[in-house]
Amino acid sequence: LVSLFMSDLMVGMVVMPPAMLNQLYGRWVLQGDLCSLWASFDVMCCSASILNLCVISLDRYLLITSPLRYRLRMTSCRALGLILATWTLAVLASFLPI
């Protein structure tokens, strides 16, 4: 949940202010280099948010389908690995194309 919070917070703090300026002025008002950086952060944060929701859904599914084996399957190391995989995939999908 903290990872989902961080991705959504980054959407609100990093992605939305330039998007609001873009809507208000009808054009990109910041430096040209910031446009591709902003687009990458936009894709990264939105992808991380969606992937975090998928990981949370997988976690809840495992808890519901096998509650007695859940603690053996979902260790803190595996949870940390899933979070790292989520953010790594989001970063690769957003910054690698640039």
N, C-alpha and C. Protein backbone atom coordinates (compact mmCIF):
# COMPACT_ATOMS: atom_id res chain seq x y z
N LEU A 1 0.82 -1.20 0.00
CA LEU A 1 0.00 0.00 0.00
C LEU A 1 0.86 1.26 0.00
N VAL A 2 2.02 1.19 0.64
CA VAL A 2 2.90 2.35 0.68
C VAL A 2 3.45 2.63 -0.72
N SER A 3 3.75 1.59 -1.47
CA SER A 3 4.24 1.76 -2.83
C SER A 3 3.16 2.39 -3.72
N LEU A 4 1.93 1.97 -3.56
CA LEU A 4 0.81 2.57 -4.29
C LEU A 4 0.65 4.03 -3.91
N PHE A 5 0.77 4.31 -2.62
CA PHE A 5 0.69 5.69 -2.15
C PHE A 5 1.78 6.55 -2.78
N MET A 6 3.00 6.03 -2.84
CA MET A 6 4.11 6.79 -3.40
C MET A 6 3.91 7.06 -4.89
N SER A 7 3.44 6.07 -5.62
CA SER A 7 3.22 6.29 -7.05
C SER A 7 2.11 7.31 -7.29
N ASP A 8 1.04 7.24 -6.51
CA ASP A 8 -0.04 8.20 -6.67
C ASP A 8 0.37 9.59 -6.20
N LEU A 9 1.19 9.66 -5.16
CA LEU A 9 1.70 10.94 -4.69
C LEU A 9 2.59 11.58 -5.76
N MET A 10 3.41 10.77 -6.40
CA MET A 10 4.27 11.31 -7.46
C MET A 10 3.44 11.79 -8.65
N VAL A 11 2.34 11.13 -8.95
CA VAL A 11 1.45 11.62 -10.00
C VAL A 11 0.93 13.01 -9.63
N GLY A 12 0.53 13.16 -8.38
CA GLY A 12 -0.03 14.44 -7.94
C GLY A 12 1.01 15.55 -7.81
N MET A 13 2.23 15.21 -7.44
CA MET A 13 3.25 16.23 -7.19
C MET A 13 4.14 16.52 -8.40
N VAL A 14 4.40 15.52 -9.23
CA VAL A 14 5.34 15.68 -10.35
C VAL A 14 4.62 15.81 -11.69
N VAL A 15 3.60 15.01 -11.89
CA VAL A 15 2.97 14.93 -13.21
C VAL A 15 1.87 15.97 -13.38
N MET A 16 1.03 16.16 -12.38
CA MET A 16 -0.13 17.03 -12.53
C MET A 16 0.18 18.53 -12.66
N PRO A 17 1.13 19.10 -11.91
CA PRO A 17 1.36 20.55 -12.08
C PRO A 17 1.74 20.97 -13.51
N PRO A 18 2.70 20.30 -14.18
CA PRO A 18 2.94 20.68 -15.57
C PRO A 18 1.75 20.41 -16.49
N ALA A 19 0.98 19.37 -16.20
CA ALA A 19 -0.20 19.09 -17.01
C ALA A 19 -1.23 20.20 -16.84
N MET A 20 -1.36 20.74 -15.63
CA MET A 20 -2.30 21.85 -15.42
C MET A 20 -1.82 23.11 -16.15
N LEU A 21 -0.51 23.37 -16.13
CA LEU A 21 0.02 24.50 -16.89
C LEU A 21 -0.23 24.33 -18.38
N ASN A 22 -0.07 23.12 -18.85
CA ASN A 22 -0.33 22.82 -20.26
C ASN A 22 -1.78 23.10 -20.61
N GLN A 23 -2.69 22.73 -19.74
CA GLN A 23 -4.11 22.96 -20.00
C GLN A 23 -4.47 24.44 -19.90
N LEU A 24 -3.88 25.14 -18.93
CA LEU A 24 -4.20 26.56 -18.75
C LEU A 24 -3.72 27.41 -19.92
N TYR A 25 -2.51 27.18 -20.37
CA TYR A 25 -1.94 28.01 -21.43
C TYR A 25 -2.18 27.45 -22.83
N GLY A 26 -2.59 26.22 -22.93
CA GLY A 26 -2.85 25.63 -24.23
C GLY A 26 -1.60 25.23 -24.99
N ARG A 27 -0.46 25.30 -24.36
CA ARG A 27 0.81 24.92 -24.97
C ARG A 27 1.78 24.57 -23.86
N TRP A 28 2.92 23.98 -24.24
CA TRP A 28 3.94 23.62 -23.26
C TRP A 28 4.74 24.87 -22.90
N VAL A 29 4.69 25.30 -21.63
CA VAL A 29 5.33 26.56 -21.24
C VAL A 29 6.71 26.36 -20.61
N LEU A 30 7.06 25.14 -20.28
CA LEU A 30 8.36 24.88 -19.68
C LEU A 30 9.40 24.63 -20.78
N GLN A 31 10.64 24.43 -20.39
CA GLN A 31 11.70 24.17 -21.37
C GLN A 31 11.41 22.90 -22.16
N GLY A 32 11.89 22.85 -23.38
CA GLY A 32 11.62 21.72 -24.26
C GLY A 32 12.17 20.40 -23.74
N ASP A 33 13.33 20.44 -23.06
CA ASP A 33 13.90 19.19 -22.53
C ASP A 33 13.04 18.60 -21.43
N LEU A 34 12.32 19.45 -20.73
CA LEU A 34 11.48 18.95 -19.64
C LEU A 34 10.25 18.20 -20.15
N CYS A 35 9.89 18.41 -21.40
CA CYS A 35 8.72 17.74 -21.95
C CYS A 35 8.91 16.23 -21.98
N SER A 36 10.04 15.77 -22.49
CA SER A 36 10.27 14.32 -22.55
C SER A 36 10.48 13.73 -21.16
N LEU A 37 11.12 14.50 -20.27
CA LEU A 37 11.30 14.04 -18.89
C LEU A 37 9.94 13.93 -18.19
N TRP A 38 9.08 14.92 -18.41
CA TRP A 38 7.75 14.91 -17.81
C TRP A 38 6.94 13.73 -18.35
N ALA A 39 7.02 13.50 -19.66
CA ALA A 39 6.28 12.39 -20.25
C ALA A 39 6.76 11.05 -19.68
N SER A 40 8.06 10.93 -19.46
CA SER A 40 8.59 9.70 -18.87
C SER A 40 8.09 9.51 -17.45
N PHE A 41 8.11 10.58 -16.66
CA PHE A 41 7.59 10.47 -15.30
C PHE A 41 6.10 10.16 -15.30
N ASP A 42 5.38 10.71 -16.25
CA ASP A 42 3.95 10.43 -16.36
C ASP A 42 3.71 8.95 -16.60
N VAL A 43 4.41 8.38 -17.57
CA VAL A 43 4.25 6.96 -17.88
C VAL A 43 4.72 6.10 -16.71
N MET A 44 5.85 6.49 -16.09
CA MET A 44 6.38 5.70 -14.98
C MET A 44 5.42 5.66 -13.80
N CYS A 45 4.93 6.84 -13.39
CA CYS A 45 4.06 6.89 -12.22
C CYS A 45 2.73 6.19 -12.46
N CYS A 46 2.16 6.39 -13.64
CA CYS A 46 0.88 5.73 -13.94
C CYS A 46 1.06 4.21 -14.06
N SER A 47 2.16 3.80 -14.69
CA SER A 47 2.43 2.36 -14.80
C SER A 47 2.68 1.74 -13.43
N ALA A 48 3.45 2.44 -12.59
CA ALA A 48 3.71 1.92 -11.25
C ALA A 48 2.42 1.82 -10.45
N SER A 49 1.54 2.78 -10.60
CA SER A 49 0.27 2.74 -9.89
C SER A 49 -0.56 1.53 -10.32
N ILE A 50 -0.65 1.30 -11.63
CA ILE A 50 -1.42 0.17 -12.14
C ILE A 50 -0.79 -1.15 -11.72
N LEU A 51 0.54 -1.24 -11.82
CA LEU A 51 1.23 -2.48 -11.43
C LEU A 51 1.10 -2.73 -9.93
N ASN A 52 1.13 -1.68 -9.13
CA ASN A 52 0.93 -1.84 -7.69
C ASN A 52 -0.46 -2.39 -7.39
N LEU A 53 -1.46 -1.91 -8.11
CA LEU A 53 -2.81 -2.46 -7.92
C LEU A 53 -2.87 -3.93 -8.31
N CYS A 54 -2.14 -4.30 -9.35
CA CYS A 54 -2.10 -5.72 -9.75
C CYS A 54 -1.42 -6.58 -8.68
N VAL A 55 -0.33 -6.07 -8.10
CA VAL A 55 0.38 -6.82 -7.05
C VAL A 55 -0.48 -6.94 -5.80
N ILE A 56 -1.20 -5.88 -5.46
CA ILE A 56 -2.10 -5.94 -4.30
C ILE A 56 -3.21 -6.96 -4.56
N SER A 57 -3.73 -6.98 -5.79
CA SER A 57 -4.77 -7.96 -6.13
C SER A 57 -4.23 -9.39 -6.05
N LEU A 58 -3.01 -9.60 -6.53
CA LEU A 58 -2.39 -10.92 -6.43
C LEU A 58 -2.20 -11.32 -4.97
N ASP A 59 -1.77 -10.39 -4.15
CA ASP A 59 -1.58 -10.66 -2.72
C ASP A 59 -2.90 -11.04 -2.06
N ARG A 60 -3.95 -10.31 -2.34
CA ARG A 60 -5.27 -10.62 -1.76
C ARG A 60 -5.78 -11.95 -2.28
N TYR A 61 -5.53 -12.26 -3.55
CA TYR A 61 -5.95 -13.54 -4.12
C TYR A 61 -5.27 -14.69 -3.40
N LEU A 62 -3.95 -14.56 -3.19
CA LEU A 62 -3.23 -15.62 -2.48
C LEU A 62 -3.73 -15.78 -1.05
N LEU A 63 -4.07 -14.70 -0.41
CA LEU A 63 -4.57 -14.77 0.96
C LEU A 63 -5.93 -15.46 1.02
N ILE A 64 -6.78 -15.17 0.06
CA ILE A 64 -8.12 -15.75 0.07
C ILE A 64 -8.12 -17.21 -0.34
N THR A 65 -7.33 -17.55 -1.35
CA THR A 65 -7.36 -18.93 -1.85
C THR A 65 -6.64 -19.92 -0.94
N SER A 66 -5.61 -19.49 -0.27
CA SER A 66 -4.91 -20.40 0.64
C SER A 66 -4.45 -19.64 1.88
N PRO A 67 -5.38 -19.39 2.80
CA PRO A 67 -5.04 -18.59 3.97
C PRO A 67 -4.03 -19.25 4.92
N LEU A 68 -4.00 -20.58 4.95
CA LEU A 68 -3.08 -21.25 5.86
C LEU A 68 -1.64 -21.25 5.34
N ARG A 69 -1.49 -21.26 4.03
CA ARG A 69 -0.14 -21.25 3.44
C ARG A 69 0.33 -19.86 3.06
N TYR A 70 -0.49 -18.85 3.31
CA TYR A 70 -0.16 -17.49 2.87
C TYR A 70 1.14 -16.98 3.50
N ARG A 71 1.30 -17.19 4.77
CA ARG A 71 2.51 -16.68 5.46
C ARG A 71 3.78 -17.38 4.97
N LEU A 72 3.65 -18.62 4.52
CA LEU A 72 4.82 -19.31 3.98
C LEU A 72 5.15 -18.81 2.57
N ARG A 73 4.13 -18.49 1.81
CA ARG A 73 4.35 -18.02 0.44
C ARG A 73 4.78 -16.56 0.39
N MET A 74 4.09 -15.70 1.11
CA MET A 74 4.34 -14.27 1.00
C MET A 74 5.20 -13.80 2.17
N THR A 75 6.49 -13.96 1.99
CA THR A 75 7.43 -13.48 3.00
C THR A 75 7.75 -12.01 2.73
N SER A 76 8.41 -11.39 3.67
CA SER A 76 8.76 -9.98 3.47
C SER A 76 9.76 -9.82 2.34
N CYS A 77 10.64 -10.78 2.14
CA CYS A 77 11.59 -10.72 1.02
C CYS A 77 10.86 -10.81 -0.32
N ARG A 78 9.88 -11.68 -0.41
CA ARG A 78 9.11 -11.79 -1.66
C ARG A 78 8.29 -10.54 -1.91
N ALA A 79 7.72 -9.97 -0.84
CA ALA A 79 6.94 -8.74 -1.00
C ALA A 79 7.84 -7.61 -1.48
N LEU A 80 9.02 -7.50 -0.90
CA LEU A 80 9.97 -6.48 -1.34
C LEU A 80 10.40 -6.73 -2.78
N GLY A 81 10.59 -7.97 -3.15
CA GLY A 81 10.93 -8.31 -4.53
C GLY A 81 9.84 -7.92 -5.51
N LEU A 82 8.59 -8.13 -5.13
CA LEU A 82 7.47 -7.74 -5.99
C LEU A 82 7.41 -6.23 -6.16
N ILE A 83 7.66 -5.50 -5.08
CA ILE A 83 7.65 -4.04 -5.16
C ILE A 83 8.79 -3.54 -6.03
N LEU A 84 9.97 -4.11 -5.85
CA LEU A 84 11.12 -3.72 -6.68
C LEU A 84 10.88 -4.07 -8.15
N ALA A 85 10.28 -5.21 -8.41
CA ALA A 85 9.96 -5.60 -9.79
C ALA A 85 8.95 -4.64 -10.40
N THR A 86 7.98 -4.22 -9.61
CA THR A 86 6.98 -3.28 -10.09
C THR A 86 7.61 -1.97 -10.52
N TRP A 87 8.46 -1.40 -9.66
CA TRP A 87 9.08 -0.12 -9.98
C TRP A 87 10.12 -0.26 -11.09
N THR A 88 10.83 -1.38 -11.13
CA THR A 88 11.80 -1.59 -12.20
C THR A 88 11.11 -1.68 -13.55
N LEU A 89 10.03 -2.42 -13.61
CA LEU A 89 9.28 -2.53 -14.86
C LEU A 89 8.71 -1.19 -15.29
N ALA A 90 8.22 -0.41 -14.33
CA ALA A 90 7.68 0.91 -14.65
C ALA A 90 8.77 1.85 -15.16
N VAL A 91 9.95 1.80 -14.54
CA VAL A 91 11.06 2.65 -14.99
C VAL A 91 11.54 2.24 -16.37
N LEU A 92 11.66 0.95 -16.60
CA LEU A 92 12.11 0.47 -17.91
C LEU A 92 11.10 0.81 -19.02
N ALA A 93 9.85 0.74 -18.70
CA ALA A 93 8.82 1.04 -19.71
C ALA A 93 8.73 2.52 -20.01
N SER A 94 9.19 3.37 -19.10
CA SER A 94 9.03 4.80 -19.31
C SER A 94 10.32 5.49 -19.77
N PHE A 95 11.44 5.19 -19.15
CA PHE A 95 12.66 5.91 -19.48
C PHE A 95 13.49 5.23 -20.57
N LEU A 96 13.33 3.95 -20.77
CA LEU A 96 14.10 3.25 -21.79
C LEU A 96 13.77 3.73 -23.21
N PRO A 97 12.50 3.99 -23.56
CA PRO A 97 12.22 4.47 -24.91
C PRO A 97 12.85 5.82 -25.25
N ILE A 98 13.12 6.64 -24.24
CA ILE A 98 13.73 7.95 -24.51
C ILE A 98 15.16 7.76 -24.89
